[in-house]
Amino acid sequence: MTSTTTRSKFHSTLRALALALLLAGPVQAAEQVDINTADAETLDRVLVNVGEAKAAAIVAHRKENGPFKSAEQLAEVRGIGLKTVESNRDRIVLGKSAAKAAAKPTAKAPAKAASSPPSRKG
């Protein structure tokens, strides 16, 4: 093969690759899931290294203990470790229910009795 033929093939390949990249568009981000509202099927589909059994365990833990306040709390679920949490960090979302659970209830001061002097008619 001559150098001209090799160069021509290289340029053709390079153009084809550039065109393919342009047509591919931007890389899509990983799908996200709210771990406080998603059902087991969605958790299984979206989270990496979480199958049907672990997804069902996440839902059961949430029902028993209330909403997750952080992604790290997933490690409390049997079969889910911190490694699994870390590999899914960009997929995990904590919805509004987590904010409510994290907010501490404010203690209300007891209402003071109205102490007004008795009225006199006279």
Protein backbone atom coordinates (compact mmCIF):
# COMPACT_ATOMS: atom_id res chain seq x y z
CA MET A 1 0.00 0.00 0.00
CA THR A 2 1.20 3.43 -0.77
CA SER A 3 1.32 6.19 1.76
CA THR A 4 -1.40 8.07 -0.13
CA THR A 5 -3.82 5.12 0.13
CA THR A 6 -3.07 4.66 3.83
CA ARG A 7 -3.56 8.37 4.49
CA SER A 8 -6.84 8.35 2.56
CA LYS A 9 -8.17 5.39 4.58
CA PHE A 10 -7.12 7.09 7.80
CA HIS A 11 -8.96 10.30 6.88
CA SER A 12 -12.08 8.37 5.85
CA THR A 13 -12.05 6.49 9.15
CA LEU A 14 -11.49 9.71 11.08
CA ARG A 15 -14.41 11.42 9.34
CA ALA A 16 -16.69 8.46 9.99
CA LEU A 17 -15.73 8.47 13.67
CA ALA A 18 -16.33 12.23 13.97
CA LEU A 19 -19.73 11.87 12.32
CA ALA A 20 -20.68 9.02 14.64
CA LEU A 21 -19.75 11.09 17.68
CA LEU A 22 -21.78 14.04 16.45
CA LEU A 23 -24.82 11.89 15.82
CA ALA A 24 -24.52 10.13 19.17
CA GLY A 25 -25.28 13.37 21.02
CA PRO A 26 -24.38 14.11 24.59
CA VAL A 27 -23.97 11.23 26.99
CA GLN A 28 -27.04 10.92 29.15
CA ALA A 29 -26.65 11.04 32.91
CA ALA A 30 -27.64 8.05 34.97
CA GLU A 31 -31.33 7.71 35.77
CA GLN A 32 -32.14 8.81 39.31
CA VAL A 33 -34.53 7.33 41.86
CA ASP A 34 -36.07 8.74 45.04
CA ILE A 35 -35.33 6.02 47.57
CA ASN A 36 -38.13 7.30 49.81
CA THR A 37 -40.94 6.90 47.29
CA ALA A 38 -39.84 4.36 44.67
CA ASP A 39 -41.31 0.89 44.52
CA ALA A 40 -39.14 -2.23 44.52
CA GLU A 41 -39.36 -2.64 40.74
CA THR A 42 -38.00 0.87 40.13
CA LEU A 43 -35.22 0.45 42.70
CA ASP A 44 -34.23 -2.84 41.05
CA ARG A 45 -34.16 -1.24 37.59
CA VAL A 46 -32.27 1.96 38.46
CA LEU A 47 -29.79 1.01 41.18
CA VAL A 48 -26.61 -0.87 40.26
CA ASN A 49 -26.00 -4.18 42.08
CA VAL A 50 -29.49 -4.10 43.61
CA GLY A 51 -31.72 -6.93 42.51
CA GLU A 52 -35.31 -7.83 43.36
CA ALA A 53 -34.57 -9.09 46.87
CA LYS A 54 -32.46 -6.09 47.91
CA ALA A 55 -34.98 -3.68 46.38
CA ALA A 56 -37.78 -5.34 48.36
CA ALA A 57 -35.61 -5.11 51.50
CA ILE A 58 -35.16 -1.35 50.91
CA VAL A 59 -38.93 -0.86 50.66
CA ALA A 60 -39.54 -3.00 53.77
CA HIS A 61 -36.89 -1.09 55.76
CA ARG A 62 -38.45 2.22 54.70
CA LYS A 63 -41.95 1.09 55.74
CA GLU A 64 -40.66 -0.14 59.09
CA ASN A 65 -38.31 2.75 59.94
CA GLY A 66 -39.63 5.72 58.00
CA PRO A 67 -37.96 7.66 55.20
CA PHE A 68 -34.21 7.64 54.69
CA LYS A 69 -32.54 10.85 55.86
CA SER A 70 -29.34 10.20 53.89
CA ALA A 71 -28.09 7.90 51.17
CA GLU A 72 -25.71 6.32 53.70
CA GLN A 73 -28.70 4.99 55.65
CA LEU A 74 -29.25 2.51 52.83
CA ALA A 75 -26.30 0.61 54.33
CA GLU A 76 -28.60 -0.24 57.27
CA VAL A 77 -30.62 -2.45 54.92
CA ARG A 78 -29.58 -6.07 55.00
CA GLY A 79 -27.55 -6.88 51.87
CA ILE A 80 -26.71 -3.24 51.07
CA GLY A 81 -23.24 -2.04 51.94
CA LEU A 82 -21.47 1.28 51.70
CA LYS A 83 -19.80 0.08 48.49
CA THR A 84 -23.23 -0.31 46.87
CA VAL A 85 -24.28 3.10 48.18
CA GLU A 86 -21.14 4.71 46.74
CA SER A 87 -21.58 3.07 43.34
CA ASN A 88 -25.12 4.48 43.21
CA ARG A 89 -24.45 7.92 44.68
CA ASP A 90 -25.34 9.73 41.43
CA ARG A 91 -28.56 7.72 41.09
CA ILE A 92 -29.91 8.24 44.63
CA VAL A 93 -32.28 11.10 45.35
CA LEU A 94 -33.84 11.95 48.68
CA GLY A 95 -37.26 13.47 48.19
CA LYS A 96 -39.28 15.86 50.31
CA SER A 97 -40.16 13.14 52.81
CA ALA A 98 -36.47 12.95 53.79
CA ALA A 99 -36.40 16.67 54.55
CA LYS A 100 -39.45 16.31 56.76
CA ALA A 101 -37.90 13.34 58.56
CA ALA A 102 -34.63 15.17 59.10
CA ALA A 103 -36.29 18.27 60.51
CA LYS A 104 -36.42 18.15 64.25
CA PRO A 105 -39.83 18.78 65.74
CA THR A 106 -39.91 22.05 67.60
CA ALA A 107 -41.03 21.91 71.21
CA LYS A 108 -43.85 24.30 71.85
CA ALA A 109 -43.89 26.17 75.12
CA PRO A 110 -46.99 25.49 77.18
CA ALA A 111 -49.63 28.14 76.74
CA LYS A 112 -49.80 30.59 79.61
CA ALA A 113 -53.12 30.93 81.32
CA ALA A 114 -54.64 34.34 80.95
CA SER A 115 -54.35 36.01 84.33
CA SER A 116 -56.58 39.01 84.16
CA PRO A 117 -58.17 40.38 87.30
CA PRO A 118 -61.81 39.52 87.75
CA SER A 119 -64.07 42.22 86.45
CA ARG A 120 -66.16 44.15 88.97
CA LYS A 121 -69.49 45.54 88.20
CA GLY A 122 -70.76 48.05 90.46
